[in-house]
PDB file of all heavy atoms in Angstrom:
ATOM      1  N   LEU A   1       5.380   6.241   3.631  1.00  0.00           N
ATOM      2  CA  LEU A   1       5.737   5.048   4.393  1.00  0.00           C
ATOM      3  C   LEU A   1       5.178   5.152   5.796  1.00  0.00           C
ATOM      4  O   LEU A   1       5.177   6.225   6.395  1.00  0.00           O
ATOM      5  CB  LEU A   1       7.258   4.905   4.464  1.00  0.00           C
ATOM      6  CG  LEU A   1       8.000   4.876   3.127  1.00  0.00           C
ATOM      7  CD1 LEU A   1       9.490   5.072   3.349  1.00  0.00           C
ATOM      8  CD2 LEU A   1       7.715   3.583   2.397  1.00  0.00           C
ATOM      9  N   GLY A   2       4.735   4.030   6.307  1.00  0.00           N
ATOM     10  CA  GLY A   2       4.246   3.977   7.677  1.00  0.00           C
ATOM     11  C   GLY A   2       4.602   2.638   8.298  1.00  0.00           C
ATOM     12  O   GLY A   2       4.847   1.660   7.596  1.00  0.00           O
ATOM     13  N   GLN A   3       4.617   2.619   9.610  1.00  0.00           N
ATOM     14  CA  GLN A   3       4.948   1.404  10.354  1.00  0.00           C
ATOM     15  C   GLN A   3       3.664   0.690  10.767  1.00  0.00           C
ATOM     16  O   GLN A   3       2.698   1.323  11.163  1.00  0.00           O
ATOM     17  CB  GLN A   3       5.744   1.790  11.603  1.00  0.00           C
ATOM     18  CG  GLN A   3       6.045   0.629  12.535  1.00  0.00           C
ATOM     19  CD  GLN A   3       6.842   1.085  13.732  1.00  0.00           C
ATOM     20  OE1 GLN A   3       8.048   1.220  13.647  1.00  0.00           O
ATOM     21  NE2 GLN A   3       6.157   1.338  14.845  1.00  0.00           N
ATOM     22  N   LEU A   4       3.688  -0.629  10.658  1.00  0.00           N
ATOM     23  CA  LEU A   4       2.547  -1.440  11.051  1.00  0.00           C
ATOM     24  C   LEU A   4       3.077  -2.758  11.584  1.00  0.00           C
ATOM     25  O   LEU A   4       4.105  -3.250  11.114  1.00  0.00           O
ATOM     26  CB  LEU A   4       1.638  -1.690   9.828  1.00  0.00           C
ATOM     27  CG  LEU A   4       0.315  -2.406  10.073  1.00  0.00           C
ATOM     28  CD1 LEU A   4      -0.612  -1.546  10.923  1.00  0.00           C
ATOM     29  CD2 LEU A   4      -0.357  -2.732   8.746  1.00  0.00           C
ATOM     30  N   LYS A   5       2.384  -3.320  12.547  1.00  0.00           N
ATOM     31  CA  LYS A   5       2.791  -4.623  13.058  1.00  0.00           C
ATOM     32  C   LYS A   5       2.508  -5.663  11.971  1.00  0.00           C
ATOM     33  O   LYS A   5       1.362  -6.000  11.694  1.00  0.00           O
ATOM     34  CB  LYS A   5       2.041  -4.963  14.344  1.00  0.00           C
ATOM     35  CG  LYS A   5       2.529  -6.234  14.984  1.00  0.00           C
ATOM     36  CD  LYS A   5       1.824  -6.518  16.293  1.00  0.00           C
ATOM     37  CE  LYS A   5       2.368  -7.813  16.869  1.00  0.00           C
ATOM     38  NZ  LYS A   5       1.681  -8.168  18.105  1.00  0.00           N
ATOM     39  N   LEU A   6       3.572  -6.096  11.330  1.00  0.00           N
ATOM     40  CA  LEU A   6       3.486  -7.075  10.247  1.00  0.00           C
ATOM     41  C   LEU A   6       4.489  -8.190  10.536  1.00  0.00           C
ATOM     42  O   LEU A   6       5.417  -8.014  11.322  1.00  0.00           O
ATOM     43  CB  LEU A   6       3.832  -6.423   8.898  1.00  0.00           C
ATOM     44  CG  LEU A   6       2.867  -5.355   8.375  1.00  0.00           C
ATOM     45  CD1 LEU A   6       3.509  -4.559   7.257  1.00  0.00           C
ATOM     46  CD2 LEU A   6       1.578  -5.991   7.905  1.00  0.00           C
ATOM     47  N   ASN A   7       4.313  -9.295   9.873  1.00  0.00           N
ATOM     48  CA  ASN A   7       5.269 -10.396  10.007  1.00  0.00           C
ATOM     49  C   ASN A   7       6.619 -10.014   9.411  1.00  0.00           C
ATOM     50  O   ASN A   7       6.732  -9.032   8.674  1.00  0.00           O
ATOM     51  CB  ASN A   7       4.731 -11.662   9.336  1.00  0.00           C
ATOM     52  CG  ASN A   7       3.561 -12.250  10.096  1.00  0.00           C
ATOM     53  OD1 ASN A   7       3.443 -12.083  11.314  1.00  0.00           O
ATOM     54  ND2 ASN A   7       2.674 -12.920   9.389  1.00  0.00           N
ATOM     55  N   GLN A   8       7.608 -10.833   9.689  1.00  0.00           N
ATOM     56  CA  GLN A   8       8.981 -10.619   9.217  1.00  0.00           C
ATOM     57  C   GLN A   8       9.011 -10.390   7.706  1.00  0.00           C
ATOM     58  O   GLN A   8       8.490 -11.195   6.937  1.00  0.00           O
ATOM     59  CB  GLN A   8       9.847 -11.832   9.571  1.00  0.00           C
ATOM     60  CG  GLN A   8      11.319 -11.654   9.340  1.00  0.00           C
ATOM     61  CD  GLN A   8      11.971 -10.799  10.419  1.00  0.00           C
ATOM     62  OE1 GLN A   8      11.526 -10.754  11.549  1.00  0.00           O
ATOM     63  NE2 GLN A   8      13.037 -10.113  10.058  1.00  0.00           N
ATOM     64  N   ASP A   9       9.589  -9.260   7.308  1.00  0.00           N
ATOM     65  CA  ASP A   9       9.832  -8.920   5.903  1.00  0.00           C
ATOM     66  C   ASP A   9       8.572  -8.867   5.037  1.00  0.00           C
ATOM     67  O   ASP A   9       8.615  -9.122   3.839  1.00  0.00           O
ATOM     68  CB  ASP A   9      10.867  -9.864   5.292  1.00  0.00           C
ATOM     69  CG  ASP A   9      12.228  -9.701   5.936  1.00  0.00           C
ATOM     70  OD1 ASP A   9      12.559  -8.582   6.357  1.00  0.00           O
ATOM     71  OD2 ASP A   9      12.966 -10.705   6.030  1.00  0.00           O
ATOM     72  N   VAL A  10       7.456  -8.499   5.652  1.00  0.00           N
ATOM     73  CA  VAL A  10       6.211  -8.305   4.912  1.00  0.00           C
ATOM     74  C   VAL A  10       6.018  -6.805   4.696  1.00  0.00           C
ATOM     75  O   VAL A  10       6.210  -6.002   5.601  1.00  0.00           O
ATOM     76  CB  VAL A  10       4.996  -8.888   5.672  1.00  0.00           C
ATOM     77  CG1 VAL A  10       3.687  -8.492   4.994  1.00  0.00           C
ATOM     78  CG2 VAL A  10       5.112 -10.408   5.762  1.00  0.00           C
ATOM     79  N   VAL A  11       5.660  -6.445   3.475  1.00  0.00           N
ATOM     80  CA  VAL A  11       5.378  -5.064   3.106  1.00  0.00           C
ATOM     81  C   VAL A  11       3.936  -5.028   2.619  1.00  0.00           C
ATOM     82  O   VAL A  11       3.516  -5.894   1.849  1.00  0.00           O
ATOM     83  CB  VAL A  11       6.344  -4.588   1.993  1.00  0.00           C
ATOM     84  CG1 VAL A  11       5.974  -3.209   1.501  1.00  0.00           C
ATOM     85  CG2 VAL A  11       7.784  -4.619   2.490  1.00  0.00           C
ATOM     86  N   ARG A  12       3.179  -4.036   3.075  1.00  0.00           N
ATOM     87  CA  ARG A  12       1.768  -3.950   2.685  1.00  0.00           C
ATOM     88  C   ARG A  12       1.540  -2.688   1.878  1.00  0.00           C
ATOM     89  O   ARG A  12       1.761  -1.574   2.371  1.00  0.00           O
ATOM     90  CB  ARG A  12       0.882  -3.975   3.929  1.00  0.00           C
ATOM     91  CG  ARG A  12      -0.577  -4.229   3.595  1.00  0.00           C
ATOM     92  CD  ARG A  12      -1.369  -4.564   4.825  1.00  0.00           C
ATOM     93  NE  ARG A  12      -2.014  -3.356   5.330  1.00  0.00           N
ATOM     94  CZ  ARG A  12      -2.846  -3.357   6.360  1.00  0.00           C
ATOM     95  NH1 ARG A  12      -3.102  -4.463   7.019  1.00  0.00           N
ATOM     96  NH2 ARG A  12      -3.414  -2.232   6.748  1.00  0.00           N
ATOM     97  N   ILE A  13       1.120  -2.855   0.653  1.00  0.00           N
ATOM     98  CA  ILE A  13       0.798  -1.731  -0.233  1.00  0.00           C
ATOM     99  C   ILE A  13      -0.685  -1.407  -0.061  1.00  0.00           C
ATOM    100  O   ILE A  13      -1.542  -2.276  -0.230  1.00  0.00           O
ATOM    101  CB  ILE A  13       1.116  -2.071  -1.703  1.00  0.00           C
ATOM    102  CG1 ILE A  13       2.619  -2.318  -1.868  1.00  0.00           C
ATOM    103  CG2 ILE A  13       0.630  -0.956  -2.632  1.00  0.00           C
ATOM    104  CD1 ILE A  13       3.027  -2.807  -3.248  1.00  0.00           C
ATOM    105  N   GLU A  14      -0.950  -0.168   0.292  1.00  0.00           N
ATOM    106  CA  GLU A  14      -2.321   0.288   0.537  1.00  0.00           C
ATOM    107  C   GLU A  14      -2.887   0.920  -0.732  1.00  0.00           C
ATOM    108  O   GLU A  14      -2.210   1.718  -1.371  1.00  0.00           O
ATOM    109  CB  GLU A  14      -2.354   1.303   1.679  1.00  0.00           C
ATOM    110  CG  GLU A  14      -1.712   0.833   2.966  1.00  0.00           C
ATOM    111  CD  GLU A  14      -2.444  -0.309   3.657  1.00  0.00           C
ATOM    112  OE1 GLU A  14      -3.602  -0.606   3.297  1.00  0.00           O
ATOM    113  OE2 GLU A  14      -1.839  -0.900   4.580  1.00  0.00           O
ATOM    114  N   LEU A  15      -4.114   0.568  -1.065  1.00  0.00           N
ATOM    115  CA  LEU A  15      -4.728   1.092  -2.278  1.00  0.00           C
ATOM    116  C   LEU A  15      -5.655   2.281  -2.026  1.00  0.00           C
ATOM    117  O   LEU A  15      -5.820   3.121  -2.899  1.00  0.00           O
ATOM    118  CB  LEU A  15      -5.507  -0.011  -2.997  1.00  0.00           C
ATOM    119  CG  LEU A  15      -4.694  -1.238  -3.421  1.00  0.00           C
ATOM    120  CD1 LEU A  15      -5.581  -2.205  -4.185  1.00  0.00           C
ATOM    121  CD2 LEU A  15      -3.483  -0.833  -4.235  1.00  0.00           C
ATOM    122  N   ASN A  16      -6.252   2.349  -0.839  1.00  0.00           N
ATOM    123  CA  ASN A  16      -7.280   3.350  -0.577  1.00  0.00           C
ATOM    124  C   ASN A  16      -6.985   4.205   0.640  1.00  0.00           C
ATOM    125  O   ASN A  16      -6.516   3.701   1.663  1.00  0.00           O
ATOM    126  CB  ASN A  16      -8.632   2.671  -0.338  1.00  0.00           C
ATOM    127  CG  ASN A  16      -9.094   1.861  -1.514  1.00  0.00           C
ATOM    128  OD1 ASN A  16      -8.968   2.292  -2.659  1.00  0.00           O
ATOM    129  ND2 ASN A  16      -9.637   0.684  -1.258  1.00  0.00           N
ATOM    130  N   GLY A  17      -7.315   5.474   0.525  1.00  0.00           N
ATOM    131  CA  GLY A  17      -7.396   6.379   1.665  1.00  0.00           C
ATOM    132  C   GLY A  17      -8.883   6.568   1.932  1.00  0.00           C
ATOM    133  O   GLY A  17      -9.645   6.910   1.029  1.00  0.00           O
ATOM    134  N   ILE A  18      -9.298   6.319   3.158  1.00  0.00           N
ATOM    135  CA  ILE A  18     -10.727   6.259   3.455  1.00  0.00           C
ATOM    136  C   ILE A  18     -11.128   7.348   4.446  1.00  0.00           C
ATOM    137  O   ILE A  18     -10.524   7.519   5.499  1.00  0.00           O
ATOM    138  CB  ILE A  18     -11.088   4.865   4.023  1.00  0.00           C
ATOM    139  CG1 ILE A  18     -10.719   3.787   2.997  1.00  0.00           C
ATOM    140  CG2 ILE A  18     -12.568   4.794   4.381  1.00  0.00           C
ATOM    141  CD1 ILE A  18     -10.758   2.380   3.520  1.00  0.00           C
ATOM    142  N   GLY A  19     -12.150   8.085   4.080  1.00  0.00           N
ATOM    143  CA  GLY A  19     -12.727   9.123   4.936  1.00  0.00           C
ATOM    144  C   GLY A  19     -14.195   9.231   4.590  1.00  0.00           C
ATOM    145  O   GLY A  19     -14.877   8.220   4.429  1.00  0.00           O
ATOM    146  N   ASP A  20     -14.694  10.465   4.386  1.00  0.00           N
ATOM    147  CA  ASP A  20     -16.088  10.617   3.974  1.00  0.00           C
ATOM    148  C   ASP A  20     -16.287  10.139   2.538  1.00  0.00           C
ATOM    149  O   ASP A  20     -17.404   9.997   2.064  1.00  0.00           O
ATOM    150  CB  ASP A  20     -16.555  12.067   4.150  1.00  0.00           C
ATOM    151  CG  ASP A  20     -15.743  13.058   3.341  1.00  0.00           C
ATOM    152  OD1 ASP A  20     -14.660  12.699   2.861  1.00  0.00           O
ATOM    153  OD2 ASP A  20     -16.193  14.221   3.205  1.00  0.00           O
ATOM    154  N   LYS A  21     -15.195   9.869   1.893  1.00  0.00           N
ATOM    155  CA  LYS A  21     -15.163   9.337   0.532  1.00  0.00           C
ATOM    156  C   LYS A  21     -13.950   8.411   0.470  1.00  0.00           C
ATOM    157  O   LYS A  21     -13.028   8.527   1.265  1.00  0.00           O
ATOM    158  CB  LYS A  21     -14.995  10.516  -0.446  1.00  0.00           C
ATOM    159  CG  LYS A  21     -14.895  10.150  -1.885  1.00  0.00           C
ATOM    160  CD  LYS A  21     -14.759  11.405  -2.749  1.00  0.00           C
ATOM    161  CE  LYS A  21     -14.536  11.008  -4.195  1.00  0.00           C
ATOM    162  NZ  LYS A  21     -14.382  12.166  -5.074  1.00  0.00           N
ATOM    163  N   ILE A  22     -13.940   7.480  -0.453  1.00  0.00           N
ATOM    164  CA  ILE A  22     -12.774   6.616  -0.641  1.00  0.00           C
ATOM    165  C   ILE A  22     -11.986   7.139  -1.833  1.00  0.00           C
ATOM    166  O   ILE A  22     -12.525   7.277  -2.940  1.00  0.00           O
ATOM    167  CB  ILE A  22     -13.177   5.141  -0.886  1.00  0.00           C
ATOM    168  CG1 ILE A  22     -13.877   4.584   0.357  1.00  0.00           C
ATOM    169  CG2 ILE A  22     -11.959   4.296  -1.235  1.00  0.00           C
ATOM    170  CD1 ILE A  22     -14.444   3.197   0.179  1.00  0.00           C
ATOM    171  N   TYR A  23     -10.722   7.449  -1.591  1.00  0.00           N
ATOM    172  CA  TYR A  23      -9.816   7.838  -2.663  1.00  0.00           C
ATOM    173  C   TYR A  23      -8.895   6.669  -2.934  1.00  0.00           C
ATOM    174  O   TYR A  23      -8.266   6.137  -2.021  1.00  0.00           O
ATOM    175  CB  TYR A  23      -8.991   9.074  -2.266  1.00  0.00           C
ATOM    176  CG  TYR A  23      -9.816  10.332  -2.217  1.00  0.00           C
ATOM    177  CD1 TYR A  23     -10.345  10.778  -1.020  1.00  0.00           C
ATOM    178  CD2 TYR A  23     -10.067  11.065  -3.374  1.00  0.00           C
ATOM    179  CE1 TYR A  23     -11.116  11.935  -0.968  1.00  0.00           C
ATOM    180  CE2 TYR A  23     -10.836  12.216  -3.326  1.00  0.00           C
ATOM    181  CZ  TYR A  23     -11.353  12.644  -2.128  1.00  0.00           C
ATOM    182  OH  TYR A  23     -12.115  13.785  -2.085  1.00  0.00           O
ATOM    183  N   ARG A  24      -8.823   6.275  -4.188  1.00  0.00           N
ATOM    184  CA  ARG A  24      -8.007   5.125  -4.584  1.00  0.00           C
ATOM    185  C   ARG A  24      -6.771   5.631  -5.330  1.00  0.00           C
ATOM    186  O   ARG A  24      -6.868   6.534  -6.155  1.00  0.00           O
ATOM    187  CB  ARG A  24      -8.803   4.176  -5.463  1.00  0.00           C
ATOM    188  CG  ARG A  24      -8.091   2.873  -5.761  1.00  0.00           C
ATOM    189  CD  ARG A  24      -9.067   1.883  -6.400  1.00  0.00           C
ATOM    190  NE  ARG A  24      -8.442   0.618  -6.687  1.00  0.00           N
ATOM    191  CZ  ARG A  24      -8.394  -0.404  -5.846  1.00  0.00           C
ATOM    192  NH1 ARG A  24      -8.944  -0.303  -4.652  1.00  0.00           N
ATOM    193  NH2 ARG A  24      -7.817  -1.540  -6.188  1.00  0.00           N
ATOM    194  N   THR A  25      -5.639   5.015  -5.048  1.00  0.00           N
ATOM    195  CA  THR A  25      -4.420   5.402  -5.740  1.00  0.00           C
ATOM    196  C   THR A  25      -4.574   5.208  -7.248  1.00  0.00           C
ATOM    197  O   THR A  25      -5.228   4.265  -7.693  1.00  0.00           O
ATOM    198  CB  THR A  25      -3.202   4.622  -5.222  1.00  0.00           C
ATOM    199  OG1 THR A  25      -2.029   5.131  -5.859  1.00  0.00           O
ATOM    200  CG2 THR A  25      -3.303   3.129  -5.499  1.00  0.00           C
ATOM    201  N   LYS A  26      -3.954   6.071  -8.000  1.00  0.00           N
ATOM    202  CA  LYS A  26      -3.910   5.927  -9.461  1.00  0.00           C
ATOM    203  C   LYS A  26      -2.532   5.435  -9.895  1.00  0.00           C
ATOM    204  O   LYS A  26      -2.251   5.336 -11.084  1.00  0.00           O
ATOM    205  CB  LYS A  26      -4.254   7.260 -10.122  1.00  0.00           C
ATOM    206  CG  LYS A  26      -5.712   7.634  -9.884  1.00  0.00           C
ATOM    207  CD  LYS A  26      -6.088   8.926 -10.588  1.00  0.00           C
ATOM    208  CE  LYS A  26      -7.568   9.138 -10.542  1.00  0.00           C
ATOM    209  NZ  LYS A  26      -8.046  10.001  -9.537  1.00  0.00           N
ATOM    210  N   TYR A  27      -1.700   5.150  -8.905  1.00  0.00           N
ATOM    211  CA  TYR A  27      -0.344   4.691  -9.182  1.00  0.00           C
ATOM    212  C   TYR A  27      -0.347   3.198  -9.506  1.00  0.00           C
ATOM    213  O   TYR A  27      -0.914   2.397  -8.773  1.00  0.00           O
ATOM    214  CB  TYR A  27       0.553   4.968  -7.973  1.00  0.00           C
ATOM    215  CG  TYR A  27       1.969   4.475  -8.162  1.00  0.00           C
ATOM    216  CD1 TYR A  27       2.799   5.059  -9.102  1.00  0.00           C
ATOM    217  CD2 TYR A  27       2.455   3.414  -7.417  1.00  0.00           C
ATOM    218  CE1 TYR A  27       4.089   4.608  -9.288  1.00  0.00           C
ATOM    219  CE2 TYR A  27       3.753   2.957  -7.585  1.00  0.00           C
ATOM    220  CZ  TYR A  27       4.563   3.555  -8.526  1.00  0.00           C
ATOM    221  OH  TYR A  27       5.828   3.103  -8.715  1.00  0.00           O
ATOM    222  N   ASP A  28       0.296   2.825 -10.607  1.00  0.00           N
ATOM    223  CA  ASP A  28       0.449   1.414 -10.973  1.00  0.00           C
ATOM    224  C   ASP A  28       1.614   0.848 -10.171  1.00  0.00           C
ATOM    225  O   ASP A  28       2.771   1.035 -10.522  1.00  0.00           O
ATOM    226  CB  ASP A  28       0.704   1.273 -12.469  1.00  0.00           C
ATOM    227  CG  ASP A  28       0.901  -0.176 -12.906  1.00  0.00           C
ATOM    228  OD1 ASP A  28       0.753  -1.087 -12.067  1.00  0.00           O
ATOM    229  OD2 ASP A  28       1.228  -0.386 -14.086  1.00  0.00           O
ATOM    230  N   TYR A  29       1.285   0.180  -9.106  1.00  0.00           N
ATOM    231  CA  TYR A  29       2.282  -0.316  -8.149  1.00  0.00           C
ATOM    232  C   TYR A  29       2.878  -1.666  -8.547  1.00  0.00           C
ATOM    233  O   TYR A  29       3.717  -2.194  -7.834  1.00  0.00           O
ATOM    234  CB  TYR A  29       1.647  -0.428  -6.753  1.00  0.00           C
ATOM    235  CG  TYR A  29       0.443  -1.336  -6.750  1.00  0.00           C
ATOM    236  CD1 TYR A  29       0.579  -2.712  -6.583  1.00  0.00           C
ATOM    237  CD2 TYR A  29      -0.832  -0.821  -6.956  1.00  0.00           C
ATOM    238  CE1 TYR A  29      -0.531  -3.538  -6.619  1.00  0.00           C
ATOM    239  CE2 TYR A  29      -1.930  -1.646  -6.999  1.00  0.00           C
ATOM    240  CZ  TYR A  29      -1.780  -3.006  -6.816  1.00  0.00           C
ATOM    241  OH  TYR A  29      -2.857  -3.827  -6.859  1.00  0.00           O
ATOM    242  N   SER A  30       2.498  -2.229  -9.670  1.00  0.00           N
ATOM    243  CA  SER A  30       2.909  -3.593 -10.034  1.00  0.00           C
ATOM    244  C   SER A  30       4.429  -3.742 -10.158  1.00  0.00           C
ATOM    245  O   SER A  30       4.989  -4.754  -9.715  1.00  0.00           O
ATOM    246  CB  SER A  30       2.215  -4.062 -11.312  1.00  0.00           C
ATOM    247  OG  SER A  30       2.522  -3.194 -12.385  1.00  0.00           O
ATOM    248  N   LEU A  31       5.112  -2.763 -10.730  1.00  0.00           N
ATOM    249  CA  LEU A  31       6.566  -2.855 -10.849  1.00  0.00           C
ATOM    250  C   LEU A  31       7.235  -2.775  -9.479  1.00  0.00           C
ATOM    251  O   LEU A  31       8.183  -3.501  -9.190  1.00  0.00           O
ATOM    252  CB  LEU A  31       7.112  -1.764 -11.777  1.00  0.00           C
ATOM    253  CG  LEU A  31       8.609  -1.819 -12.052  1.00  0.00           C
ATOM    254  CD1 LEU A  31       9.028  -3.150 -12.667  1.00  0.00           C
ATOM    255  CD2 LEU A  31       9.025  -0.673 -12.972  1.00  0.00           C
ATOM    256  N   LEU A  32       6.725  -1.893  -8.615  1.00  0.00           N
ATOM    257  CA  LEU A  32       7.247  -1.798  -7.254  1.00  0.00           C
ATOM    258  C   LEU A  32       7.035  -3.116  -6.514  1.00  0.00           C
ATOM    259  O   LEU A  32       7.936  -3.616  -5.843  1.00  0.00           O
ATOM    260  CB  LEU A  32       6.580  -0.651  -6.504  1.00  0.00           C
ATOM    261  CG  LEU A  32       6.968  -0.488  -5.041  1.00  0.00           C
ATOM    262  CD1 LEU A  32       8.479  -0.286  -4.883  1.00  0.00           C
ATOM    263  CD2 LEU A  32       6.203   0.668  -4.418  1.00  0.00           C
ATOM    264  N   GLU A  33       5.852  -3.678  -6.666  1.00  0.00           N
ATOM    265  CA  GLU A  33       5.560  -4.973  -6.033  1.00  0.00           C
ATOM    266  C   GLU A  33       6.550  -6.040  -6.519  1.00  0.00           C
ATOM    267  O   GLU A  33       7.111  -6.800  -5.722  1.00  0.00           O
ATOM    268  CB  GLU A  33       4.129  -5.389  -6.369  1.00  0.00           C
ATOM    269  CG  GLU A  33       3.729  -6.729  -5.795  1.00  0.00           C
ATOM    270  CD  GLU A  33       2.326  -7.140  -6.201  1.00  0.00           C
ATOM    271  OE1 GLU A  33       1.742  -6.555  -7.142  1.00  0.00           O
ATOM    272  OE2 GLU A  33       1.814  -8.072  -5.571  1.00  0.00           O
ATOM    273  N   GLU A  34       6.803  -6.052  -7.802  1.00  0.00           N
ATOM    274  CA  GLU A  34       7.748  -7.013  -8.391  1.00  0.00           C
ATOM    275  C   GLU A  34       9.157  -6.838  -7.812  1.00  0.00           C
ATOM    276  O   GLU A  34       9.831  -7.814  -7.480  1.00  0.00           O
ATOM    277  CB  GLU A  34       7.763  -6.825  -9.911  1.00  0.00           C
ATOM    278  CG  GLU A  34       8.692  -7.737 -10.656  1.00  0.00           C
ATOM    279  CD  GLU A  34       8.698  -7.410 -12.142  1.00  0.00           C
ATOM    280  OE1 GLU A  34       7.604  -7.372 -12.749  1.00  0.00           O
ATOM    281  OE2 GLU A  34       9.796  -7.177 -12.677  1.00  0.00           O
ATOM    282  N   LYS A  35       9.601  -5.591  -7.695  1.00  0.00           N
ATOM    283  CA  LYS A  35      10.941  -5.321  -7.156  1.00  0.00           C
ATOM    284  C   LYS A  35      11.047  -5.741  -5.687  1.00  0.00           C
ATOM    285  O   LYS A  35      12.074  -6.270  -5.261  1.00  0.00           O
ATOM    286  CB  LYS A  35      11.297  -3.834  -7.297  1.00  0.00           C
ATOM    287  CG  LYS A  35      11.382  -3.357  -8.728  1.00  0.00           C
ATOM    288  CD  LYS A  35      12.533  -3.978  -9.457  1.00  0.00           C
ATOM    289  CE  LYS A  35      12.641  -3.409 -10.858  1.00  0.00           C
ATOM    290  NZ  LYS A  35      13.628  -4.087 -11.663  1.00  0.00           N
ATOM    291  N   LEU A  36      10.007  -5.488  -4.917  1.00  0.00           N
ATOM    292  CA  LEU A  36      10.009  -5.897  -3.511  1.00  0.00           C
ATOM    293  C   LEU A  36      10.066  -7.417  -3.380  1.00  0.00           C
ATOM    294  O   LEU A  36      10.846  -7.950  -2.591  1.00  0.00           O
ATOM    295  CB  LEU A  36       8.765  -5.348  -2.799  1.00  0.00           C
ATOM    296  CG  LEU A  36       8.767  -3.848  -2.519  1.00  0.00           C
ATOM    297  CD1 LEU A  36       7.359  -3.354  -2.201  1.00  0.00           C
ATOM    298  CD2 LEU A  36       9.727  -3.517  -1.389  1.00  0.00           C
TER     299      LEU A  36
END
């Protein structure tokens, strides 16, 4: 979890960690998104 300046009650799910290479999550976040 991290804090970011977002609008009221907005949650942002991040898919990629970016550095010298892009690492993409392998987690299926769809159920979490639905619950939120």
